[in-house]
């Protein structure tokens, strides 16, 4: 009997898609939800989203300059972080709260643990 079953680790289907392309596709896919949020909750929802996105992008830029690592602002991951943070906050939240949330999520939640690479900077990188 011929065994045609091949067991391997994921991903089983590989496509040549860059991180940047995937991130910006996700940003585009979140736009309808953002528009619905503005229609339902008013312009405050737009302000919360804009403040969170700007704070996340600036934090990633400042952290990249401060640590002298590759600047990854244009890959879209900070934009997604800001959008998702804003979507989890009420529209009437004080604007300092999305700023603090974005700074914490990018600086502590992402950059301290190695960014999209996922390696902590104080650990040696695998060969």
PDB file of N, CA and C in Angstrom:
ATOM      1  N   UNK A   1       0.843  -1.183   0.000  1.00  0.00           N
ATOM      2  CA  UNK A   1       0.000   0.000   0.000  1.00  0.00           C
ATOM      3  C   UNK A   1       0.882   1.239   0.000  1.00  0.00           C
ATOM      4  N   UNK A   2       0.539   2.173  -0.840  1.00  0.00           N
ATOM      5  CA  UNK A   2       1.305   3.412  -0.946  1.00  0.00           C
ATOM      6  C   UNK A   2       0.699   4.431   0.001  1.00  0.00           C
ATOM      7  N   UNK A   3       1.558   5.037   0.806  1.00  0.00           N
ATOM      8  CA  UNK A   3       1.094   6.038   1.774  1.00  0.00           C
ATOM      9  C   UNK A   3       1.299   7.427   1.178  1.00  0.00           C
ATOM     10  N   UNK A   4       0.212   8.096   0.822  1.00  0.00           N
ATOM     11  CA  UNK A   4       0.286   9.429   0.237  1.00  0.00           C
ATOM     12  C   UNK A   4       0.152  10.537   1.265  1.00  0.00           C
ATOM     13  N   UNK A   5       0.039  10.191   2.517  1.00  0.00           N
ATOM     14  CA  UNK A   5      -0.117  11.181   3.571  1.00  0.00           C
ATOM     15  C   UNK A   5       1.252  11.715   3.974  1.00  0.00           C
ATOM     16  N   UNK A   6       1.410  13.012   3.844  1.00  0.00           N
ATOM     17  CA  UNK A   6       2.649  13.662   4.243  1.00  0.00           C
ATOM     18  C   UNK A   6       2.326  14.585   5.401  1.00  0.00           C
ATOM     19  N   UNK A   7       2.961  14.341   6.512  1.00  0.00           N
ATOM     20  CA  UNK A   7       2.733  15.154   7.699  1.00  0.00           C
ATOM     21  C   UNK A   7       3.908  16.112   7.846  1.00  0.00           C
ATOM     22  N   UNK A   8       3.590  17.408   7.935  1.00  0.00           N
ATOM     23  CA  UNK A   8       4.637  18.409   8.100  1.00  0.00           C
ATOM     24  C   UNK A   8       4.075  19.564   8.907  1.00  0.00           C
ATOM     25  N   UNK A   9       4.981  20.407   9.349  1.00  0.00           N
ATOM     26  CA  UNK A   9       4.567  21.585  10.102  1.00  0.00           C
ATOM     27  C   UNK A   9       3.922  22.619   9.196  1.00  0.00           C
ATOM     28  N   UNK A  10       3.150  23.506   9.792  1.00  0.00           N
ATOM     29  CA  UNK A  10       2.495  24.546   9.008  1.00  0.00           C
ATOM     30  C   UNK A  10       3.508  25.633   8.667  1.00  0.00           C
ATOM     31  N   UNK A  11       3.336  26.461   7.695  1.00  0.00           N
ATOM     32  CA  UNK A  11       2.178  26.516   6.809  1.00  0.00           C
ATOM     33  C   UNK A  11       2.298  25.486   5.703  1.00  0.00           C
ATOM     34  N   UNK A  12       1.174  24.906   5.352  1.00  0.00           N
ATOM     35  CA  UNK A  12       1.167  23.888   4.311  1.00  0.00           C
ATOM     36  C   UNK A  12       1.124  24.503   2.925  1.00  0.00           C
ATOM     37  N   UNK A  13       0.549  25.680   2.830  1.00  0.00           N
ATOM     38  CA  UNK A  13       0.519  26.408   1.561  1.00  0.00           C
ATOM     39  C   UNK A  13       1.362  27.659   1.759  1.00  0.00           C
ATOM     40  N   UNK A  14       2.348  27.839   0.918  1.00  0.00           N
ATOM     41  CA  UNK A  14       3.246  28.979   1.060  1.00  0.00           C
ATOM     42  C   UNK A  14       3.035  29.933  -0.102  1.00  0.00           C
ATOM     43  N   UNK A  15       2.911  31.183   0.219  1.00  0.00           N
ATOM     44  CA  UNK A  15       2.734  32.204  -0.799  1.00  0.00           C
ATOM     45  C   UNK A  15       3.775  33.286  -0.543  1.00  0.00           C
ATOM     46  N   UNK A  16       4.282  33.852  -1.586  1.00  0.00           N
ATOM     47  CA  UNK A  16       5.300  34.885  -1.469  1.00  0.00           C
ATOM     48  C   UNK A  16       4.650  36.225  -1.141  1.00  0.00           C
ATOM     49  N   UNK A  17       4.204  36.373   0.092  1.00  0.00           N
ATOM     50  CA  UNK A  17       3.593  37.630   0.536  1.00  0.00           C
ATOM     51  C   UNK A  17       4.472  38.234   1.618  1.00  0.00           C
ATOM     52  N   UNK A  18       4.735  39.510   1.507  1.00  0.00           N
ATOM     53  CA  UNK A  18       5.576  40.170   2.495  1.00  0.00           C
ATOM     54  C   UNK A  18       4.752  40.547   3.720  1.00  0.00           C
ATOM     55  N   UNK A  19       5.439  40.790   4.816  1.00  0.00           N
ATOM     56  CA  UNK A  19       4.778  41.228   6.040  1.00  0.00           C
ATOM     57  C   UNK A  19       4.053  42.544   5.787  1.00  0.00           C
ATOM     58  N   UNK A  20       4.698  43.443   5.083  1.00  0.00           N
ATOM     59  CA  UNK A  20       4.100  44.741   4.799  1.00  0.00           C
ATOM     60  C   UNK A  20       2.796  44.597   4.015  1.00  0.00           C
ATOM     61  N   UNK A  21       2.795  43.753   3.007  1.00  0.00           N
ATOM     62  CA  UNK A  21       1.584  43.560   2.197  1.00  0.00           C
ATOM     63  C   UNK A  21       0.455  42.986   3.043  1.00  0.00           C
ATOM     64  N   UNK A  22       0.765  42.030   3.887  1.00  0.00           N
ATOM     65  CA  UNK A  22      -0.252  41.429   4.753  1.00  0.00           C
ATOM     66  C   UNK A  22      -0.804  42.473   5.720  1.00  0.00           C
ATOM     67  N   UNK A  23       0.077  43.257   6.333  1.00  0.00           N
ATOM     68  CA  UNK A  23      -0.367  44.256   7.303  1.00  0.00           C
ATOM     69  C   UNK A  23      -1.265  45.305   6.656  1.00  0.00           C
ATOM     70  N   UNK A  24      -0.878  45.807   5.493  1.00  0.00           N
ATOM     71  CA  UNK A  24      -1.693  46.831   4.842  1.00  0.00           C
ATOM     72  C   UNK A  24      -3.009  46.257   4.330  1.00  0.00           C
ATOM     73  N   UNK A  25      -3.034  44.971   3.987  1.00  0.00           N
ATOM     74  CA  UNK A  25      -4.290  44.325   3.619  1.00  0.00           C
ATOM     75  C   UNK A  25      -5.237  44.278   4.813  1.00  0.00           C
ATOM     76  N   UNK A  26      -4.682  43.994   5.987  1.00  0.00           N
ATOM     77  CA  UNK A  26      -5.495  43.985   7.202  1.00  0.00           C
ATOM     78  C   UNK A  26      -6.010  45.391   7.503  1.00  0.00           C
ATOM     79  N   UNK A  27      -5.163  46.406   7.333  1.00  0.00           N
ATOM     80  CA  UNK A  27      -5.598  47.787   7.562  1.00  0.00           C
ATOM     81  C   UNK A  27      -6.763  48.125   6.638  1.00  0.00           C
ATOM     82  N   UNK A  28      -6.651  47.769   5.373  1.00  0.00           N
ATOM     83  CA  UNK A  28      -7.722  48.042   4.415  1.00  0.00           C
ATOM     84  C   UNK A  28      -8.997  47.294   4.801  1.00  0.00           C
ATOM     85  N   UNK A  29      -8.835  46.073   5.297  1.00  0.00           N
ATOM     86  CA  UNK A  29     -10.021  45.297   5.676  1.00  0.00           C
ATOM     87  C   UNK A  29     -10.694  45.845   6.936  1.00  0.00           C
ATOM     88  N   UNK A  30      -9.981  46.621   7.747  1.00  0.00           N
ATOM     89  CA  UNK A  30     -10.567  47.209   8.949  1.00  0.00           C
ATOM     90  C   UNK A  30     -11.275  48.541   8.682  1.00  0.00           C
ATOM     91  N   UNK A  31     -11.070  49.118   7.512  1.00  0.00           N
ATOM     92  CA  UNK A  31     -11.674  50.415   7.191  1.00  0.00           C
ATOM     93  C   UNK A  31     -13.206  50.382   7.252  1.00  0.00           C
ATOM     94  N   UNK A  32     -13.887  49.363   6.705  1.00  0.00           N
ATOM     95  CA  UNK A  32     -15.356  49.365   6.822  1.00  0.00           C
ATOM     96  C   UNK A  32     -15.844  49.351   8.275  1.00  0.00           C
ATOM     97  N   UNK A  33     -15.155  48.639   9.145  1.00  0.00           N
ATOM     98  CA  UNK A  33     -15.541  48.632  10.557  1.00  0.00           C
ATOM     99  C   UNK A  33     -15.331  50.010  11.171  1.00  0.00           C
ATOM    100  N   UNK A  34     -14.266  50.688  10.765  1.00  0.00           N
ATOM    101  CA  UNK A  34     -14.022  52.043  11.255  1.00  0.00           C
ATOM    102  C   UNK A  34     -15.090  53.021  10.786  1.00  0.00           C
ATOM    103  N   UNK A  35     -15.487  52.893   9.544  1.00  0.00           N
ATOM    104  CA  UNK A  35     -16.548  53.757   9.013  1.00  0.00           C
ATOM    105  C   UNK A  35     -17.851  53.500   9.758  1.00  0.00           C
ATOM    106  N   UNK A  36     -18.169  52.227   9.991  1.00  0.00           N
ATOM    107  CA  UNK A  36     -19.381  51.894  10.742  1.00  0.00           C
ATOM    108  C   UNK A  36     -19.305  52.455  12.159  1.00  0.00           C
ATOM    109  N   UNK A  37     -18.130  52.405  12.779  1.00  0.00           N
ATOM    110  CA  UNK A  37     -17.972  52.960  14.119  1.00  0.00           C
ATOM    111  C   UNK A  37     -18.217  54.451  14.157  1.00  0.00           C
ATOM    112  N   UNK A  38     -17.744  55.164  13.143  1.00  0.00           N
ATOM    113  CA  UNK A  38     -17.966  56.612  13.084  1.00  0.00           C
ATOM    114  C   UNK A  38     -19.441  56.912  12.854  1.00  0.00           C
ATOM    115  N   UNK A  39     -20.097  56.136  12.005  1.00  0.00           N
ATOM    116  CA  UNK A  39     -21.521  56.348  11.757  1.00  0.00           C
ATOM    117  C   UNK A  39     -22.327  56.071  13.027  1.00  0.00           C
ATOM    118  N   UNK A  40     -21.997  55.005  13.728  1.00  0.00           N
ATOM    119  CA  UNK A  40     -22.777  54.605  14.905  1.00  0.00           C
ATOM    120  C   UNK A  40     -22.450  55.474  16.117  1.00  0.00           C
ATOM    121  N   UNK A  41     -21.154  55.731  16.371  1.00  0.00           N
ATOM    122  CA  UNK A  41     -20.743  56.391  17.606  1.00  0.00           C
ATOM    123  C   UNK A  41     -20.354  57.854  17.431  1.00  0.00           C
ATOM    124  N   UNK A  42     -20.297  58.351  16.214  1.00  0.00           N
ATOM    125  CA  UNK A  42     -19.985  59.751  15.973  1.00  0.00           C
ATOM    126  C   UNK A  42     -18.511  60.001  15.728  1.00  0.00           C
ATOM    127  N   UNK A  43     -18.178  61.275  15.559  1.00  0.00           N
ATOM    128  CA  UNK A  43     -16.808  61.661  15.223  1.00  0.00           C
ATOM    129  C   UNK A  43     -15.806  61.386  16.340  1.00  0.00           C
ATOM    130  N   UNK A  44     -16.284  61.230  17.571  1.00  0.00           N
ATOM    131  CA  UNK A  44     -15.345  60.888  18.649  1.00  0.00           C
ATOM    132  C   UNK A  44     -14.633  59.573  18.367  1.00  0.00           C
ATOM    133  N   UNK A  45     -15.320  58.626  17.731  1.00  0.00           N
ATOM    134  CA  UNK A  45     -14.702  57.348  17.381  1.00  0.00           C
ATOM    135  C   UNK A  45     -13.558  57.557  16.389  1.00  0.00           C
ATOM    136  N   UNK A  46     -13.739  58.481  15.467  1.00  0.00           N
ATOM    137  CA  UNK A  46     -12.678  58.796  14.511  1.00  0.00           C
ATOM    138  C   UNK A  46     -11.480  59.418  15.217  1.00  0.00           C
ATOM    139  N   UNK A  47     -11.727  60.349  16.144  1.00  0.00           N
ATOM    140  CA  UNK A  47     -10.624  60.984  16.874  1.00  0.00           C
ATOM    141  C   UNK A  47      -9.854  59.981  17.710  1.00  0.00           C
ATOM    142  N   UNK A  48     -10.560  59.084  18.374  1.00  0.00           N
ATOM    143  CA  UNK A  48      -9.888  58.061  19.182  1.00  0.00           C
ATOM    144  C   UNK A  48      -9.014  57.187  18.286  1.00  0.00           C
ATOM    145  N   UNK A  49      -9.528  56.808  17.131  1.00  0.00           N
ATOM    146  CA  UNK A  49      -8.757  55.973  16.203  1.00  0.00           C
ATOM    147  C   UNK A  49      -7.535  56.708  15.675  1.00  0.00           C
ATOM    148  N   UNK A  50      -7.708  57.950  15.255  1.00  0.00           N
ATOM    149  CA  UNK A  50      -6.574  58.721  14.734  1.00  0.00           C
ATOM    150  C   UNK A  50      -5.501  58.939  15.791  1.00  0.00           C
ATOM    151  N   UNK A  51      -5.916  59.276  17.009  1.00  0.00           N
ATOM    152  CA  UNK A  51      -4.946  59.508  18.086  1.00  0.00           C
ATOM    153  C   UNK A  51      -4.199  58.223  18.402  1.00  0.00           C
ATOM    154  N   UNK A  52      -4.901  57.098  18.467  1.00  0.00           N
ATOM    155  CA  UNK A  52      -4.246  55.826  18.769  1.00  0.00           C
ATOM    156  C   UNK A  52      -3.267  55.428  17.669  1.00  0.00           C
ATOM    157  N   UNK A  53      -3.642  55.617  16.419  1.00  0.00           N
ATOM    158  CA  UNK A  53      -2.754  55.253  15.308  1.00  0.00           C
ATOM    159  C   UNK A  53      -1.517  56.148  15.284  1.00  0.00           C
ATOM    160  N   UNK A  54      -1.706  57.454  15.433  1.00  0.00           N
ATOM    161  CA  UNK A  54      -0.569  58.381  15.424  1.00  0.00           C
ATOM    162  C   UNK A  54       0.369  58.081  16.597  1.00  0.00           C
ATOM    163  N   UNK A  55      -0.186  57.824  17.766  1.00  0.00           N
ATOM    164  CA  UNK A  55       0.645  57.521  18.932  1.00  0.00           C
ATOM    165  C   UNK A  55       1.416  56.220  18.736  1.00  0.00           C
ATOM    166  N   UNK A  56       0.784  55.216  18.155  1.00  0.00           N
ATOM    167  CA  UNK A  56       1.464  53.941  17.921  1.00  0.00           C
ATOM    168  C   UNK A  56       2.592  54.094  16.905  1.00  0.00           C
ATOM    169  N   UNK A  57       2.318  54.798  15.819  1.00  0.00           N
ATOM    170  CA  UNK A  57       3.343  54.986  14.773  1.00  0.00           C
ATOM    171  C   UNK A  57       4.514  55.818  15.309  1.00  0.00           C
ATOM    172  N   UNK A  58       4.211  56.899  16.023  1.00  0.00           N
ATOM    173  CA  UNK A  58       5.289  57.725  16.586  1.00  0.00           C
ATOM    174  C   UNK A  58       6.106  56.963  17.624  1.00  0.00           C
ATOM    175  N   UNK A  59       5.450  56.150  18.429  1.00  0.00           N
ATOM    176  CA  UNK A  59       6.182  55.355  19.411  1.00  0.00           C
ATOM    177  C   UNK A  59       7.115  54.372  18.730  1.00  0.00           C
ATOM    178  N   UNK A  60       6.642  53.727  17.673  1.00  0.00           N
ATOM    179  CA  UNK A  60       7.513  52.793  16.955  1.00  0.00           C
ATOM    180  C   UNK A  60       8.687  53.528  16.309  1.00  0.00           C
ATOM    181  N   UNK A  61       8.427  54.700  15.748  1.00  0.00           N
ATOM    182  CA  UNK A  61       9.496  55.487  15.141  1.00  0.00           C
ATOM    183  C   UNK A  61      10.519  55.925  16.186  1.00  0.00           C
ATOM    184  N   UNK A  62      10.044  56.474  17.289  1.00  0.00           N
ATOM    185  CA  UNK A  62      10.948  56.949  18.343  1.00  0.00           C
ATOM    186  C   UNK A  62      11.731  55.784  18.952  1.00  0.00           C
ATOM    187  N   UNK A  63      11.073  54.661  19.198  1.00  0.00           N
ATOM    188  CA  UNK A  63      11.749  53.497  19.779  1.00  0.00           C
ATOM    189  C   UNK A  63      12.804  52.962  18.814  1.00  0.00           C
ATOM    190  N   UNK A  64      12.485  52.947  17.500  1.00  0.00           N
ATOM    191  CA  UNK A  64      13.461  52.489  16.509  1.00  0.00           C
ATOM    192  C   UNK A  64      14.672  53.395  16.424  1.00  0.00           C
ATOM    193  N   UNK A  65      14.457  54.704  16.503  1.00  0.00           N
ATOM    194  CA  UNK A  65      15.577  55.648  16.484  1.00  0.00           C
ATOM    195  C   UNK A  65      16.397  55.517  17.760  1.00  0.00           C
ATOM    196  N   UNK A  66      15.714  55.389  18.894  1.00  0.00           N
ATOM    197  CA  UNK A  66      16.392  55.312  20.193  1.00  0.00           C
ATOM    198  C   UNK A  66      17.250  54.059  20.305  1.00  0.00           C
ATOM    199  N   UNK A  67      16.765  52.931  19.811  1.00  0.00           N
ATOM    200  CA  UNK A  67      17.518  51.681  19.917  1.00  0.00           C
ATOM    201  C   UNK A  67      18.435  51.444  18.717  1.00  0.00           C
ATOM    202  N   UNK A  68      18.400  52.339  17.736  1.00  0.00           N
ATOM    203  CA  UNK A  68      19.225  52.244  16.529  1.00  0.00           C
ATOM    204  C   UNK A  68      18.972  50.938  15.774  1.00  0.00           C
ATOM    205  N   UNK A  69      17.706  50.493  15.820  1.00  0.00           N
ATOM    206  CA  UNK A  69      17.311  49.318  15.066  1.00  0.00           C
ATOM    207  C   UNK A  69      16.651  49.768  13.767  1.00  0.00           C
ATOM    208  N   UNK A  70      16.381  48.808  12.906  1.00  0.00           N
ATOM    209  CA  UNK A  70      15.728  49.107  11.640  1.00  0.00           C
ATOM    210  C   UNK A  70      14.362  49.758  11.900  1.00  0.00           C
ATOM    211  N   UNK A  71      14.091  50.852  11.215  1.00  0.00           N
ATOM    212  CA  UNK A  71      12.819  51.560  11.355  1.00  0.00           C
ATOM    213  C   UNK A  71      11.761  50.777  10.572  1.00  0.00           C
ATOM    214  N   UNK A  72      10.742  50.304  11.285  1.00  0.00           N
ATOM    215  CA  UNK A  72       9.721  49.465  10.662  1.00  0.00           C
ATOM    216  C   UNK A  72       8.355  50.134  10.643  1.00  0.00           C
ATOM    217  N   UNK A  73       8.340  51.450  10.603  1.00  0.00           N
ATOM    218  CA  UNK A  73       7.067  52.180  10.648  1.00  0.00           C
ATOM    219  C   UNK A  73       6.225  51.889   9.415  1.00  0.00           C
ATOM    220  N   UNK A  74       6.838  51.725   8.269  1.00  0.00           N
ATOM    221  CA  UNK A  74       6.088  51.577   7.023  1.00  0.00           C
ATOM    222  C   UNK A  74       5.521  50.179   6.795  1.00  0.00           C
ATOM    223  N   UNK A  75       5.799  49.223   7.699  1.00  0.00           N
ATOM    224  CA  UNK A  75       5.264  47.879   7.488  1.00  0.00           C
ATOM    225  C   UNK A  75       3.797  47.751   7.877  1.00  0.00           C
ATOM    226  N   UNK A  76       3.244  48.741   8.569  1.00  0.00           N
ATOM    227  CA  UNK A  76       1.824  48.759   8.878  1.00  0.00           C
ATOM    228  C   UNK A  76       1.426  48.106  10.185  1.00  0.00           C
ATOM    229  N   UNK A  77       2.344  47.459  10.871  1.00  0.00           N
ATOM    230  CA  UNK A  77       1.979  46.769  12.112  1.00  0.00           C
ATOM    231  C   UNK A  77       1.597  47.744  13.220  1.00  0.00           C
ATOM    232  N   UNK A  78       2.242  48.897  13.274  1.00  0.00           N
ATOM    233  CA  UNK A  78       1.882  49.896  14.291  1.00  0.00           C
ATOM    234  C   UNK A  78       0.512  50.494  13.981  1.00  0.00           C
ATOM    235  N   UNK A  79       0.190  50.645  12.715  1.00  0.00           N
ATOM    236  CA  UNK A  79      -1.126  51.167  12.329  1.00  0.00           C
ATOM    237  C   UNK A  79      -2.211  50.190  12.778  1.00  0.00           C
ATOM    238  N   UNK A  80      -1.979  48.902  12.553  1.00  0.00           N
ATOM    239  CA  UNK A  80      -2.945  47.894  12.996  1.00  0.00           C
ATOM    240  C   UNK A  80      -3.095  47.929  14.513  1.00  0.00           C
ATOM    241  N   UNK A  81      -1.997  48.061  15.219  1.00  0.00           N
ATOM    242  CA  UNK A  81      -2.053  48.119  16.675  1.00  0.00           C
ATOM    243  C   UNK A  81      -2.907  49.295  17.134  1.00  0.00           C
ATOM    244  N   UNK A  82      -2.687  50.460  16.541  1.00  0.00           N
ATOM    245  CA  UNK A  82      -3.477  51.635  16.901  1.00  0.00           C
ATOM    246  C   UNK A  82      -4.954  51.463  16.584  1.00  0.00           C
ATOM    247  N   UNK A  83      -5.257  50.902  15.424  1.00  0.00           N
ATOM    248  CA  UNK A  83      -6.655  50.704  15.039  1.00  0.00           C
ATOM    249  C   UNK A  83      -7.340  49.724  15.988  1.00  0.00           C
ATOM    250  N   UNK A  84      -6.705  48.598  16.250  1.00  0.00           N
ATOM    251  CA  UNK A  84      -7.325  47.599  17.119  1.00  0.00           C
ATOM    252  C   UNK A  84      -7.479  48.108  18.551  1.00  0.00           C
ATOM    253  N   UNK A  85      -6.520  48.886  19.006  1.00  0.00           N
ATOM    254  CA  UNK A  85      -6.655  49.489  20.328  1.00  0.00           C
ATOM    255  C   UNK A  85      -7.855  50.428  20.361  1.00  0.00           C
ATOM    256  N   UNK A  86      -7.974  51.272  19.351  1.00  0.00           N
ATOM    257  CA  UNK A  86      -9.081  52.232  19.299  1.00  0.00           C
ATOM    258  C   UNK A  86     -10.428  51.530  19.199  1.00  0.00           C
ATOM    259  N   UNK A  87     -10.474  50.423  18.474  1.00  0.00           N
ATOM    260  CA  UNK A  87     -11.733  49.689  18.329  1.00  0.00           C
ATOM    261  C   UNK A  87     -12.173  49.044  19.647  1.00  0.00           C
ATOM    262  N   UNK A  88     -11.274  48.932  20.593  1.00  0.00           N
ATOM    263  CA  UNK A  88     -11.608  48.341  21.890  1.00  0.00           C
ATOM    264  C   UNK A  88     -11.875  49.384  22.970  1.00  0.00           C
ATOM    265  N   UNK A  89     -11.840  50.649  22.599  1.00  0.00           N
ATOM    266  CA  UNK A  89     -12.097  51.719  23.556  1.00  0.00           C
ATOM    267  C   UNK A  89     -13.436  52.384  23.239  1.00  0.00           C
ATOM    268  N   UNK A  90     -14.105  52.903  24.262  1.00  0.00           N
ATOM    269  CA  UNK A  90     -15.342  53.632  23.975  1.00  0.00           C
ATOM    270  C   UNK A  90     -15.056  54.948  23.261  1.00  0.00           C
ATOM    271  N   UNK A  91     -16.028  55.437  22.518  1.00  0.00           N
ATOM    272  CA  UNK A  91     -15.833  56.655  21.732  1.00  0.00           C
ATOM    273  C   UNK A  91     -15.635  57.885  22.609  1.00  0.00           C
ATOM    274  N   UNK A  92     -16.168  57.881  23.817  1.00  0.00           N
ATOM    275  CA  UNK A  92     -16.054  59.042  24.687  1.00  0.00           C
ATOM    276  C   UNK A  92     -14.862  59.014  25.621  1.00  0.00           C
ATOM    277  N   UNK A  93     -13.912  58.146  25.373  1.00  0.00           N
ATOM    278  CA  UNK A  93     -12.747  58.021  26.250  1.00  0.00           C
ATOM    279  C   UNK A  93     -11.885  59.284  26.167  1.00  0.00           C
ATOM    280  N   UNK A  94     -11.261  59.710  27.275  1.00  0.00           N
ATOM    281  CA  UNK A  94     -10.324  60.838  27.177  1.00  0.00           C
ATOM    282  C   UNK A  94      -9.166  60.466  26.243  1.00  0.00           C
ATOM    283  N   UNK A  95      -8.698  61.421  25.446  1.00  0.00           N
ATOM    284  CA  UNK A  95      -7.712  61.105  24.408  1.00  0.00           C
ATOM    285  C   UNK A  95      -6.335  60.737  24.947  1.00  0.00           C
ATOM    286  N   UNK A  96      -6.074  60.989  26.222  1.00  0.00           N
ATOM    287  CA  UNK A  96      -4.787  60.565  26.768  1.00  0.00           C
ATOM    288  C   UNK A  96      -4.744  59.042  26.923  1.00  0.00           C
ATOM    289  N   UNK A  97      -5.894  58.405  27.048  1.00  0.00           N
ATOM    290  CA  UNK A  97      -5.924  56.965  27.259  1.00  0.00           C
ATOM    291  C   UNK A  97      -5.471  56.170  26.026  1.00  0.00           C
ATOM    292  N   UNK A  98      -5.940  56.491  24.801  1.00  0.00           N
ATOM    293  CA  UNK A  98      -5.384  55.772  23.651  1.00  0.00           C
ATOM    294  C   UNK A  98      -3.904  56.056  23.437  1.00  0.00           C
ATOM    295  N   UNK A  99      -3.444  57.232  23.848  1.00  0.00           N
ATOM    296  CA  UNK A  99      -2.017  57.534  23.719  1.00  0.00           C
ATOM    297  C   UNK A  99      -1.211  56.625  24.644  1.00  0.00           C
ATOM    298  N   UNK A 100      -1.624  56.538  25.897  1.00  0.00           N
ATOM    299  CA  UNK A 100      -0.922  55.672  26.853  1.00  0.00           C
ATOM    300  C   UNK A 100      -1.002  54.214  26.413  1.00  0.00           C
ATOM    301  N   UNK A 101      -2.164  53.790  25.954  1.00  0.00           N
ATOM    302  CA  UNK A 101      -2.323  52.416  25.496  1.00  0.00           C
ATOM    303  C   UNK A 101      -1.453  52.099  24.293  1.00  0.00           C
ATOM    304  N   UNK A 102      -1.372  53.024  23.351  1.00  0.00           N
ATOM    305  CA  UNK A 102      -0.554  52.797  22.152  1.00  0.00           C
ATOM    306  C   UNK A 102       0.931  52.775  22.493  1.00  0.00           C
ATOM    307  N   UNK A 103       1.352  53.697  23.347  1.00  0.00           N
ATOM    308  CA  UNK A 103       2.768  53.727  23.742  1.00  0.00           C
ATOM    309  C   UNK A 103       3.138  52.434  24.464  1.00  0.00           C
ATOM    310  N   UNK A 104       2.296  52.003  25.391  1.00  0.00           N
ATOM    311  CA  UNK A 104       2.583  50.775  26.125  1.00  0.00           C
ATOM    312  C   UNK A 104       2.579  49.566  25.200  1.00  0.00           C
ATOM    313  N   UNK A 105       1.589  49.465  24.328  1.00  0.00           N
ATOM    314  CA  UNK A 105       1.488  48.282  23.470  1.00  0.00           C
ATOM    315  C   UNK A 105       2.642  48.183  22.482  1.00  0.00           C
ATOM    316  N   UNK A 106       3.107  49.309  21.961  1.00  0.00           N
ATOM    317  CA  UNK A 106       4.228  49.265  21.022  1.00  0.00           C
ATOM    318  C   UNK A 106       5.548  49.107  21.761  1.00  0.00           C
ATOM    319  N   UNK A 107       5.786  49.940  22.773  1.00  0.00           N
ATOM    320  CA  UNK A 107       7.091  49.920  23.452  1.00  0.00           C
ATOM    321  C   UNK A 107       7.289  48.643  24.260  1.00  0.00           C
ATOM    322  N   UNK A 108       6.305  48.265  25.057  1.00  0.00           N
ATOM    323  CA  UNK A 108       6.457  47.097  25.924  1.00  0.00           C
ATOM    324  C   UNK A 108       5.975  45.825  25.238  1.00  0.00           C
ATOM    325  N   UNK A 109       4.793  45.872  24.663  1.00  0.00           N
ATOM    326  CA  UNK A 109       4.218  44.671  24.070  1.00  0.00           C
ATOM    327  C   UNK A 109       4.884  44.210  22.794  1.00  0.00           C
ATOM    328  N   UNK A 110       5.484  45.118  22.052  1.00  0.00           N
ATOM    329  CA  UNK A 110       6.080  44.732  20.772  1.00  0.00           C
ATOM    330  C   UNK A 110       7.597  44.869  20.771  1.00  0.00           C
ATOM    331  N   UNK A 111       8.107  46.081  20.965  1.00  0.00           N
ATOM    332  CA  UNK A 111       9.525  46.341  20.750  1.00  0.00           C
ATOM    333  C   UNK A 111      10.442  45.678  21.788  1.00  0.00           C
ATOM    334  N   UNK A 112      10.039  45.652  23.034  1.00  0.00           N
ATOM    335  CA  UNK A 112      10.892  45.032  24.055  1.00  0.00           C
ATOM    336  C   UNK A 112      11.079  43.548  23.767  1.00  0.00           C
ATOM    337  N   UNK A 113      10.081  42.930  23.160  1.00  0.00           N
ATOM    338  CA  UNK A 113      10.157  41.502  22.859  1.00  0.00           C
ATOM    339  C   UNK A 113      10.595  41.229  21.423  1.00  0.00           C
ATOM    340  N   UNK A 114      11.221  42.183  20.776  1.00  0.00           N
ATOM    341  CA  UNK A 114      11.857  41.944  19.493  1.00  0.00           C
ATOM    342  C   UNK A 114      11.066  42.334  18.269  1.00  0.00           C
ATOM    343  N   UNK A 115       9.963  43.013  18.415  1.00  0.00           N
ATOM    344  CA  UNK A 115       9.188  43.445  17.250  1.00  0.00           C
ATOM    345  C   UNK A 115       8.526  42.278  16.556  1.00  0.00           C
ATOM    346  N   UNK A 116       8.422  42.360  15.246  1.00  0.00           N
ATOM    347  CA  UNK A 116       7.788  41.289  14.485  1.00  0.00           C
ATOM    348  C   UNK A 116       8.662  40.048  14.404  1.00  0.00           C
ATOM    349  N   UNK A 117       9.964  40.210  14.634  1.00  0.00           N
ATOM    350  CA  UNK A 117      10.874  39.066  14.607  1.00  0.00           C
ATOM    351  C   UNK A 117      10.582  38.140  15.783  1.00  0.00           C
ATOM    352  N   UNK A 118      10.236  38.721  16.927  1.00  0.00           N
ATOM    353  CA  UNK A 118       9.844  37.929  18.071  1.00  0.00           C
ATOM    354  C   UNK A 118      10.976  37.479  18.962  1.00  0.00           C
ATOM    355  N   UNK A 119      12.132  38.043  18.814  1.00  0.00           N
ATOM    356  CA  UNK A 119      13.258  37.668  19.676  1.00  0.00           C
ATOM    357  C   UNK A 119      13.509  38.780  20.676  1.00  0.00           C
ATOM    358  N   UNK A 120      13.755  38.402  21.907  1.00  0.00           N
ATOM    359  CA  UNK A 120      14.094  39.389  22.912  1.00  0.00           C
ATOM    360  C   UNK A 120      15.534  39.836  22.689  1.00  0.00           C
ATOM    361  N   UNK A 121      15.799  41.139  22.716  1.00  0.00           N
ATOM    362  CA  UNK A 121      17.125  41.630  22.359  1.00  0.00           C
ATOM    363  C   UNK A 121      18.229  41.146  23.286  1.00  0.00           C
ATOM    364  N   UNK A 122      17.904  40.761  24.488  1.00  0.00           N
ATOM    365  CA  UNK A 122      18.940  40.324  25.410  1.00  0.00           C
ATOM    366  C   UNK A 122      19.262  38.844  25.257  1.00  0.00           C
ATOM    367  N   UNK A 123      18.509  38.121  24.420  1.00  0.00           N
ATOM    368  CA  UNK A 123      18.807  36.717  24.153  1.00  0.00           C
ATOM    369  C   UNK A 123      19.593  36.590  22.867  1.00  0.00           C
ATOM    370  N   UNK A 124      20.505  35.625  22.799  1.00  0.00           N
ATOM    371  CA  UNK A 124      21.243  35.438  21.535  1.00  0.00           C
ATOM    372  C   UNK A 124      20.325  34.934  20.438  1.00  0.00           C
ATOM    373  N   UNK A 125      20.564  35.398  19.229  1.00  0.00           N
ATOM    374  CA  UNK A 125      19.761  34.960  18.079  1.00  0.00           C
ATOM    375  C   UNK A 125      20.221  33.587  17.623  1.00  0.00           C
ATOM    376  N   UNK A 126      19.271  32.758  17.172  1.00  0.00           N
ATOM    377  CA  UNK A 126      19.678  31.427  16.690  1.00  0.00           C
ATOM    378  C   UNK A 126      20.480  31.551  15.399  1.00  0.00           C
ATOM    379  N   UNK A 127      21.337  30.583  15.134  1.00  0.00           N
ATOM    380  CA  UNK A 127      22.175  30.649  13.916  1.00  0.00           C
ATOM    381  C   UNK A 127      21.371  30.499  12.649  1.00  0.00           C
TER     382      UNK A 127
END
